[in-house]
Amino acid sequence: MVVPVNVGGKLAYIAFKDKKSFIVYNGKEIGKEYDNVEKPIDINGKLAYIATKDKKRFVVMEK
């Protein structure tokens, strides 16, 4: 189930295409360089999420 998240007043949610996931944040697709993304959250008004690439997991946070 995909749950939208309010991040600093902007909408963030996970979308899927070709068996890969990415984030749609404020109408823009981000995180497509990863194999998978999950759990978008708001940390002090900034987007953070977990990403996987080549079987390694990362925490990614908006600058």
Protein backbone atom coordinates (compact mmCIF):
# COMPACT_ATOMS: atom_id res chain seq x y z
CA MET A 1 0.00 0.00 0.00
CA VAL A 2 1.35 3.41 -0.98
CA VAL A 3 0.76 6.07 1.66
CA PRO A 4 1.30 9.74 0.75
CA VAL A 5 3.43 11.78 3.16
CA ASN A 6 3.42 15.53 3.81
CA VAL A 7 7.05 16.71 3.79
CA GLY A 8 7.36 20.40 4.61
CA GLY A 9 4.02 21.08 2.91
CA LYS A 10 4.92 19.06 -0.22
CA LEU A 11 3.43 15.69 -1.18
CA ALA A 12 5.76 12.67 -1.33
CA TYR A 13 4.80 9.12 -2.27
CA ILE A 14 6.27 5.96 -3.77
CA ALA A 15 5.50 5.10 -7.39
CA PHE A 16 6.37 1.97 -9.37
CA LYS A 17 7.49 1.40 -12.96
CA ASP A 18 9.18 -1.63 -14.55
CA LYS A 19 9.30 -3.42 -11.17
CA LYS A 20 11.33 -0.56 -9.64
CA SER A 21 10.18 2.03 -7.14
CA PHE A 22 10.97 5.72 -6.92
CA ILE A 23 9.68 8.77 -5.06
CA VAL A 24 7.38 11.41 -6.49
CA TYR A 25 8.08 14.53 -4.46
CA ASN A 26 6.39 17.85 -5.17
CA GLY A 27 5.45 16.50 -8.61
CA LYS A 28 9.01 15.43 -9.55
CA GLU A 29 10.31 11.87 -9.87
CA ILE A 30 13.41 11.31 -7.73
CA GLY A 31 15.43 8.32 -6.60
CA LYS A 32 15.27 6.53 -9.94
CA GLU A 33 19.02 5.83 -9.73
CA TYR A 34 18.27 3.27 -6.99
CA ASP A 35 16.94 -0.26 -7.40
CA ASN A 36 14.29 0.34 -4.76
CA VAL A 37 13.11 3.10 -2.41
CA GLU A 38 10.88 2.88 0.63
CA LYS A 39 9.52 4.66 3.70
CA PRO A 40 9.53 8.35 2.76
CA ILE A 41 9.33 10.48 5.92
CA ASP A 42 9.57 14.11 6.96
CA ILE A 43 12.57 15.06 9.11
CA ASN A 44 12.45 18.73 10.06
CA GLY A 45 10.64 19.61 6.82
CA LYS A 46 13.03 17.61 4.60
CA LEU A 47 12.44 14.38 2.73
CA ALA A 48 14.28 11.27 3.89
CA TYR A 49 13.90 7.70 2.64
CA ILE A 50 15.62 4.34 2.50
CA ALA A 51 17.12 3.31 -0.84
CA THR A 52 18.67 0.08 -2.10
CA LYS A 53 21.25 -0.23 -4.86
CA ASP A 54 23.30 -3.33 -5.68
CA LYS A 55 22.00 -5.00 -2.49
CA LYS A 56 23.30 -2.13 -0.28
CA ARG A 57 20.90 0.02 1.73
CA PHE A 58 21.25 3.77 2.24
CA VAL A 59 19.42 6.51 4.09
CA VAL A 60 18.92 9.39 1.66
CA MET A 61 18.02 12.87 2.90
CA GLU A 62 17.16 16.05 1.05
CA LYS A 63 19.82 18.77 1.34
